[in-house]
Amino acid sequence: MVVAFSLKWIPTFSIKLTILLLLFNVLIFAFVWLLFYFYSQTEVKKMKKKIIEHTDNIINSIL
């Protein structure tokens, strides 16, 4: 965004348009961030489940 504004790629003649574009970019960023967050949380749950299963197997084989 900083580069786009400095190179005049984004029209700045209207404050409303500029704020709208900034808001739109923030919303897109937040949406993508949430997607990655939820994906990583599901991966963490899968890894924890595998670790628990693996440690249970080891404990059961020892006993």
N, C-alpha and C. Protein backbone atom coordinates (compact mmCIF):
# COMPACT_ATOMS: atom_id res chain seq x y z
N MET A 1 0.83 -1.19 0.00
CA MET A 1 0.00 0.00 0.00
C MET A 1 0.87 1.25 0.00
N VAL A 2 1.93 1.24 0.79
CA VAL A 2 2.81 2.42 0.85
C VAL A 2 3.44 2.67 -0.50
N VAL A 3 3.90 1.62 -1.14
CA VAL A 3 4.52 1.77 -2.46
C VAL A 3 3.48 2.22 -3.47
N ALA A 4 2.30 1.64 -3.42
CA ALA A 4 1.25 2.02 -4.37
C ALA A 4 0.88 3.49 -4.23
N PHE A 5 0.79 3.98 -3.00
CA PHE A 5 0.48 5.39 -2.80
C PHE A 5 1.63 6.28 -3.25
N SER A 6 2.85 5.88 -2.95
CA SER A 6 3.99 6.72 -3.31
C SER A 6 4.21 6.78 -4.81
N LEU A 7 3.86 5.73 -5.53
CA LEU A 7 4.00 5.73 -6.99
C LEU A 7 2.76 6.23 -7.71
N LYS A 8 1.77 6.68 -6.94
CA LYS A 8 0.53 7.24 -7.48
C LYS A 8 -0.28 6.22 -8.29
N TRP A 9 -0.19 4.95 -7.88
CA TRP A 9 -0.99 3.92 -8.52
C TRP A 9 -2.42 3.98 -8.02
N ILE A 10 -2.61 4.51 -6.83
CA ILE A 10 -3.93 4.61 -6.23
C ILE A 10 -4.33 6.08 -6.23
N PRO A 11 -5.49 6.37 -6.77
CA PRO A 11 -5.91 7.78 -6.80
C PRO A 11 -6.14 8.32 -5.39
N THR A 12 -5.58 9.49 -5.13
CA THR A 12 -5.72 10.08 -3.79
C THR A 12 -6.49 11.39 -3.85
N PHE A 13 -7.20 11.63 -4.94
CA PHE A 13 -7.94 12.88 -5.07
C PHE A 13 -9.18 12.91 -4.18
N SER A 14 -9.60 11.75 -3.70
CA SER A 14 -10.77 11.67 -2.85
C SER A 14 -10.41 10.95 -1.55
N ILE A 15 -10.64 11.60 -0.44
CA ILE A 15 -10.36 10.99 0.86
C ILE A 15 -11.26 9.77 1.07
N LYS A 16 -12.51 9.87 0.66
CA LYS A 16 -13.45 8.76 0.83
C LYS A 16 -12.97 7.52 0.06
N LEU A 17 -12.52 7.74 -1.17
CA LEU A 17 -12.04 6.62 -1.99
C LEU A 17 -10.78 6.02 -1.38
N THR A 18 -9.90 6.84 -0.90
CA THR A 18 -8.67 6.36 -0.29
C THR A 18 -8.97 5.53 0.96
N ILE A 19 -9.85 6.01 1.80
CA ILE A 19 -10.22 5.28 3.01
C ILE A 19 -10.92 3.97 2.64
N LEU A 20 -11.77 4.00 1.64
CA LEU A 20 -12.46 2.80 1.18
C LEU A 20 -11.46 1.76 0.68
N LEU A 21 -10.47 2.20 -0.09
CA LEU A 21 -9.47 1.26 -0.58
C LEU A 21 -8.64 0.68 0.56
N LEU A 22 -8.27 1.50 1.51
CA LEU A 22 -7.53 1.01 2.67
C LEU A 22 -8.36 0.00 3.46
N LEU A 23 -9.61 0.30 3.67
CA LEU A 23 -10.50 -0.60 4.40
C LEU A 23 -10.65 -1.93 3.66
N PHE A 24 -10.79 -1.85 2.35
CA PHE A 24 -10.91 -3.05 1.53
C PHE A 24 -9.67 -3.92 1.66
N ASN A 25 -8.49 -3.30 1.62
CA ASN A 25 -7.25 -4.05 1.76
C ASN A 25 -7.11 -4.67 3.14
N VAL A 26 -7.52 -3.96 4.17
CA VAL A 26 -7.46 -4.50 5.53
C VAL A 26 -8.41 -5.69 5.66
N LEU A 27 -9.59 -5.60 5.08
CA LEU A 27 -10.54 -6.71 5.13
C LEU A 27 -10.00 -7.95 4.41
N ILE A 28 -9.39 -7.75 3.27
CA ILE A 28 -8.80 -8.88 2.53
C ILE A 28 -7.67 -9.50 3.35
N PHE A 29 -6.82 -8.66 3.93
CA PHE A 29 -5.73 -9.16 4.76
C PHE A 29 -6.27 -9.96 5.95
N ALA A 30 -7.29 -9.44 6.61
CA ALA A 30 -7.85 -10.12 7.78
C ALA A 30 -8.47 -11.46 7.38
N PHE A 31 -9.14 -11.50 6.25
CA PHE A 31 -9.76 -12.74 5.77
C PHE A 31 -8.69 -13.80 5.48
N VAL A 32 -7.64 -13.43 4.78
CA VAL A 32 -6.57 -14.37 4.46
C VAL A 32 -5.88 -14.83 5.74
N TRP A 33 -5.65 -13.89 6.66
CA TRP A 33 -5.01 -14.24 7.93
C TRP A 33 -5.86 -15.25 8.71
N LEU A 34 -7.16 -15.02 8.74
CA LEU A 34 -8.06 -15.95 9.44
C LEU A 34 -8.04 -17.34 8.80
N LEU A 35 -8.01 -17.38 7.48
CA LEU A 35 -7.93 -18.67 6.81
C LEU A 35 -6.67 -19.42 7.21
N PHE A 36 -5.53 -18.75 7.19
CA PHE A 36 -4.29 -19.39 7.60
C PHE A 36 -4.31 -19.78 9.07
N TYR A 37 -4.90 -18.94 9.91
CA TYR A 37 -4.99 -19.22 11.34
C TYR A 37 -5.79 -20.50 11.60
N PHE A 38 -6.97 -20.59 11.01
CA PHE A 38 -7.81 -21.76 11.23
C PHE A 38 -7.18 -23.02 10.62
N TYR A 39 -6.52 -22.88 9.49
CA TYR A 39 -5.84 -24.02 8.89
C TYR A 39 -4.73 -24.51 9.82
N SER A 40 -3.93 -23.60 10.35
CA SER A 40 -2.84 -24.01 11.22
C SER A 40 -3.37 -24.62 12.51
N GLN A 41 -4.49 -24.13 13.01
CA GLN A 41 -5.08 -24.70 14.22
C GLN A 41 -5.53 -26.14 13.98
N THR A 42 -6.10 -26.43 12.84
CA THR A 42 -6.50 -27.80 12.55
C THR A 42 -5.27 -28.71 12.40
N GLU A 43 -4.20 -28.18 11.81
CA GLU A 43 -2.98 -28.97 11.69
C GLU A 43 -2.37 -29.25 13.06
N VAL A 44 -2.41 -28.29 13.96
CA VAL A 44 -1.89 -28.49 15.32
C VAL A 44 -2.69 -29.58 16.02
N LYS A 45 -4.00 -29.56 15.88
CA LYS A 45 -4.84 -30.58 16.51
C LYS A 45 -4.51 -31.98 15.96
N LYS A 46 -4.28 -32.07 14.65
CA LYS A 46 -3.91 -33.35 14.05
C LYS A 46 -2.58 -33.84 14.61
N MET A 47 -1.61 -32.93 14.72
CA MET A 47 -0.30 -33.31 15.24
C MET A 47 -0.39 -33.76 16.70
N LYS A 48 -1.17 -33.04 17.50
CA LYS A 48 -1.33 -33.43 18.90
C LYS A 48 -1.95 -34.80 19.02
N LYS A 49 -2.95 -35.08 18.18
CA LYS A 49 -3.61 -36.38 18.21
C LYS A 49 -2.62 -37.49 17.85
N LYS A 50 -1.79 -37.27 16.84
CA LYS A 50 -0.80 -38.27 16.45
C LYS A 50 0.23 -38.48 17.55
N ILE A 51 0.65 -37.42 18.20
CA ILE A 51 1.63 -37.54 19.30
C ILE A 51 1.04 -38.34 20.44
N ILE A 52 -0.20 -38.04 20.79
CA ILE A 52 -0.86 -38.78 21.87
C ILE A 52 -1.00 -40.26 21.51
N GLU A 53 -1.40 -40.54 20.28
CA GLU A 53 -1.53 -41.93 19.85
C GLU A 53 -0.18 -42.64 19.89
N HIS A 54 0.85 -41.97 19.45
CA HIS A 54 2.19 -42.56 19.42
C HIS A 54 2.69 -42.84 20.83
N THR A 55 2.52 -41.88 21.73
CA THR A 55 2.97 -42.10 23.11
C THR A 55 2.13 -43.19 23.79
N ASP A 56 0.86 -43.25 23.50
CA ASP A 56 0.02 -44.33 24.06
C ASP A 56 0.50 -45.69 23.57
N ASN A 57 0.86 -45.79 22.30
CA ASN A 57 1.36 -47.06 21.75
C ASN A 57 2.66 -47.46 22.43
N ILE A 58 3.52 -46.49 22.66
CA ILE A 58 4.80 -46.79 23.31
C ILE A 58 4.56 -47.26 24.74
N ILE A 59 3.71 -46.57 25.45
CA ILE A 59 3.41 -46.95 26.84
C ILE A 59 2.77 -48.32 26.90
N ASN A 60 1.85 -48.60 26.00
CA ASN A 60 1.17 -49.91 25.98
C ASN A 60 2.15 -51.04 25.63
N SER A 61 3.12 -50.75 24.76
CA SER A 61 4.08 -51.78 24.40
C SER A 61 5.06 -52.07 25.54
N ILE A 62 5.33 -51.08 26.36
CA ILE A 62 6.22 -51.26 27.51
C ILE A 62 5.51 -52.07 28.60
N LEU A 63 4.25 -51.78 28.81
CA LEU A 63 3.49 -52.46 29.86
C LEU A 63 3.03 -53.79 29.32
